[in-house]
Every structure is written in structure tokens, then in C-alpha cells.
C-alpha atoms as a PDB file:
ATOM      1  CA  MET A   1     176.705  62.964  75.272  1.00  0.00           C
ATOM      2  CA  TYR A   2     172.962  64.002  75.660  1.00  0.00           C
ATOM      3  CA  THR A   3     174.040  67.935  76.007  1.00  0.00           C
ATOM      4  CA  ILE A   4     175.740  67.562  72.422  1.00  0.00           C
ATOM      5  CA  ALA A   5     172.896  65.789  71.291  1.00  0.00           C
ATOM      6  CA  LEU A   6     170.538  68.245  72.676  1.00  0.00           C
ATOM      7  CA  LEU A   7     172.700  70.784  71.123  1.00  0.00           C
ATOM      8  CA  VAL A   8     172.643  69.423  67.441  1.00  0.00           C
ATOM      9  CA  LEU A   9     168.985  68.752  67.712  1.00  0.00           C
ATOM     10  CA  MET A  10     167.921  72.621  68.766  1.00  0.00           C
ATOM     11  CA  GLY A  11     170.285  73.732  66.140  1.00  0.00           C
ATOM     12  CA  LEU A  12     168.965  71.694  63.239  1.00  0.00           C
ATOM     13  CA  VAL A  13     165.597  73.118  64.161  1.00  0.00           C
ATOM     14  CA  THR A  14     166.550  76.484  64.658  1.00  0.00           C
ATOM     15  CA  SER A  15     168.234  76.337  61.077  1.00  0.00           C
ATOM     16  CA  SER A  16     164.792  74.695  59.980  1.00  0.00           C
ATOM     17  CA  VAL A  17     163.011  77.233  61.186  1.00  0.00           C
ATOM     18  CA  VAL A  18     164.574  80.413  59.985  1.00  0.00           C
ATOM     19  CA  ALA A  19     164.854  78.443  56.543  1.00  0.00           C
ATOM     20  CA  VAL A  20     160.948  78.215  56.220  1.00  0.00           C
ATOM     21  CA  VAL A  21     160.878  82.122  57.914  1.00  0.00           C
ATOM     22  CA  THR A  22     163.168  83.519  55.369  1.00  0.00           C
ATOM     23  CA  ASP A  23     161.251  81.515  52.540  1.00  0.00           C
ATOM     24  CA  LEU A  24     157.952  82.196  53.634  1.00  0.00           C
ATOM     25  CA  VAL A  25     157.791  85.724  54.745  1.00  0.00           C
ATOM     26  CA  PRO A  26     159.832  87.980  52.819  1.00  0.00           C
ATOM     27  CA  ALA A  27     159.003  90.788  54.999  1.00  0.00           C
ATOM     28  CA  VAL A  28     161.402  89.570  57.321  1.00  0.00           C
ATOM     29  CA  SER A  29     164.203  90.709  55.133  1.00  0.00           C
ATOM     30  CA  LYS A  30     163.497  94.129  55.575  1.00  0.00           C
ATOM     31  CA  ILE A  31     163.672  94.354  59.465  1.00  0.00           C
ATOM     32  CA  PRO A  32     166.704  96.378  60.264  1.00  0.00           C
ATOM     33  CA  PHE A  33     168.368  94.108  62.785  1.00  0.00           C
ATOM     34  CA  VAL A  34     167.130  90.968  62.025  1.00  0.00           C
ATOM     35  CA  GLY A  35     167.234  91.166  58.413  1.00  0.00           C
ATOM     36  CA  ASN A  36     170.090  89.324  57.920  1.00  0.00           C
ATOM     37  CA  PRO A  37     169.657  85.393  57.975  1.00  0.00           C
ATOM     38  CA  ASP A  38     172.629  85.186  60.461  1.00  0.00           C
ATOM     39  CA  ARG A  39     171.570  87.798  62.961  1.00  0.00           C
ATOM     40  CA  LEU A  40     167.787  85.898  62.652  1.00  0.00           C
ATOM     41  CA  PHE A  41     169.531  82.009  63.285  1.00  0.00           C
ATOM     42  CA  VAL A  42     171.191  83.646  66.567  1.00  0.00           C
ATOM     43  CA  VAL A  43     167.816  85.392  67.669  1.00  0.00           C
ATOM     44  CA  ALA A  44     166.121  82.322  67.215  1.00  0.00           C
ATOM     45  CA  ALA A  45     168.505  80.455  69.055  1.00  0.00           C
ATOM     46  CA  ILE A  46     168.251  82.309  71.766  1.00  0.00           C
ATOM     47  CA  LEU A  47     164.458  82.203  71.724  1.00  0.00           C
ATOM     48  CA  LEU A  48     164.229  78.854  71.302  1.00  0.00           C
ATOM     49  CA  ALA A  49     166.068  78.405  74.530  1.00  0.00           C
ATOM     50  CA  TRP A  50     163.703  80.471  76.383  1.00  0.00           C
ATOM     51  CA  LEU A  51     161.124  79.065  75.145  1.00  0.00           C
ATOM     52  CA  GLY A  52     162.250  75.306  75.729  1.00  0.00           C
ATOM     53  CA  ASN A  53     163.715  76.155  79.288  1.00  0.00           C
ATOM     54  CA  VAL A  54     167.066  75.086  78.289  1.00  0.00           C
ATOM     55  CA  SER A  55     170.231  75.432  80.642  1.00  0.00           C
ATOM     56  CA  ILE A  56     173.028  74.236  77.972  1.00  0.00           C
ATOM     57  CA  LEU A  57     175.505  76.261  80.038  1.00  0.00           C
ATOM     58  CA  GLY A  58     174.341  74.812  83.418  1.00  0.00           C
ATOM     59  CA  THR A  59     175.237  71.270  81.810  1.00  0.00           C
ATOM     60  CA  PHE A  60     178.443  72.051  81.386  1.00  0.00           C
ATOM     61  CA  GLY A  61     179.038  73.585  84.859  1.00  0.00           C
ATOM     62  CA  LEU A  62     179.312  77.102  83.630  1.00  0.00           C
ATOM     63  CA  ASP A  63     176.373  78.803  86.494  1.00  0.00           C
ATOM     64  CA  ALA A  64     175.322  81.845  85.317  1.00  0.00           C
ATOM     65  CA  SER A  65     174.194  84.612  88.349  1.00  0.00           C
ATOM     66  CA  GLN A  66     171.353  86.056  86.431  1.00  0.00           C
ATOM     67  CA  ALA A  67     168.670  84.054  84.440  1.00  0.00           C
ATOM     68  CA  TRP A  68     168.800  85.888  81.303  1.00  0.00           C
ATOM     69  CA  VAL A  69     172.595  84.946  80.761  1.00  0.00           C
ATOM     70  CA  ASP A  70     171.937  81.682  80.939  1.00  0.00           C
ATOM     71  CA  VAL A  71     169.310  82.568  78.311  1.00  0.00           C
ATOM     72  CA  VAL A  72     171.310  84.176  76.521  1.00  0.00           C
ATOM     73  CA  GLY A  73     174.672  82.210  76.738  1.00  0.00           C
ATOM     74  CA  SER A  74     172.733  79.134  75.587  1.00  0.00           C
ATOM     75  CA  GLY A  75     171.453  80.528  72.795  1.00  0.00           C
ATOM     76  CA  LEU A  76     174.609  81.251  71.403  1.00  0.00           C
ATOM     77  CA  ALA A  77     176.296  77.826  72.086  1.00  0.00           C
ATOM     78  CA  ILE A  78     173.271  76.693  70.235  1.00  0.00           C
ATOM     79  CA  ALA A  79     174.013  79.045  67.023  1.00  0.00           C
ATOM     80  CA  GLY A  80     177.665  78.364  67.463  1.00  0.00           C
ATOM     81  CA  PHE A  81     177.372  74.524  67.563  1.00  0.00           C
ATOM     82  CA  ALA A  82     174.944  74.247  64.711  1.00  0.00           C
ATOM     83  CA  GLY A  83     177.808  76.021  62.564  1.00  0.00           C
ATOM     84  CA  ILE A  84     180.174  72.940  63.609  1.00  0.00           C
ATOM     85  CA  THR A  85     177.676  70.900  62.699  1.00  0.00           C
ATOM     86  CA  ASN A  86     176.811  71.910  59.540  1.00  0.00           C
ATOM     87  CA  ALA A  87     180.659  72.504  58.413  1.00  0.00           C
ATOM     88  CA  ALA A  88     181.080  68.327  59.509  1.00  0.00           C
ATOM     89  CA  VAL A  89     178.352  67.699  57.507  1.00  0.00           C
ATOM     90  CA  ASN A  90     179.377  69.408  54.643  1.00  0.00           C
ATOM     91  CA  PHE A  91     183.395  67.849  54.915  1.00  0.00           C
ATOM     92  CA  LEU A  92     181.595  64.839  55.251  1.00  0.00           C
ATOM     93  CA  ASP A  93     179.435  65.068  52.373  1.00  0.00           C
ATOM     94  CA  ARG A  94     182.424  66.274  50.568  1.00  0.00           C
ATOM     95  CA  ASN A  95     184.195  62.863  50.681  1.00  0.00           C
END
């Protein structure tokens, strides 16, 4: 239960940071790999998982053999769950 709340919270923080960065720093869109906001969102989620020292995969029982696999996997889980959260909120807002 707490893991899902952590995923939702970190996804909201990541989406807020990406929105602020893309609005206030227009030079970010000119960077070749991260110019796309979707890629920037994934990179920001991985960075947030690394900075927060969070192991989302470990709480689900998926042990990683190396630390970077856990960080990247946790960042991808945050980014993926944020998309699910946005879809659920948009569905509920529509009704």
C-alpha cells in the first residue's frame, strides 16, 4: 500500500519538475536526447529514484543483481505508474 502511494507521489513530483523545467528553460528542448518531454520525464524519474535512494523494485520482491539495475528499474516504474495515474485521473475527471 505504501509502495503505491510512494509511486504516485514520486510520479507527481517528477511531472511537476518536468513541467517547470520545460516552461522555464526553453533551451532544454534543443538537447538532442532529452529534448522530447517524454524522454525528459523518464530521465527525471530515474534521477529522482537515484537521488531519493528508493528501491521500488525491492519492495515488490524483485531483487537486482547490481545497484544501477535497481535505480533504472525503479525510475522506469515511477514513470510507468505516473502514466497510469494520469489516465485514471483523466477518466475520473471526464465523468
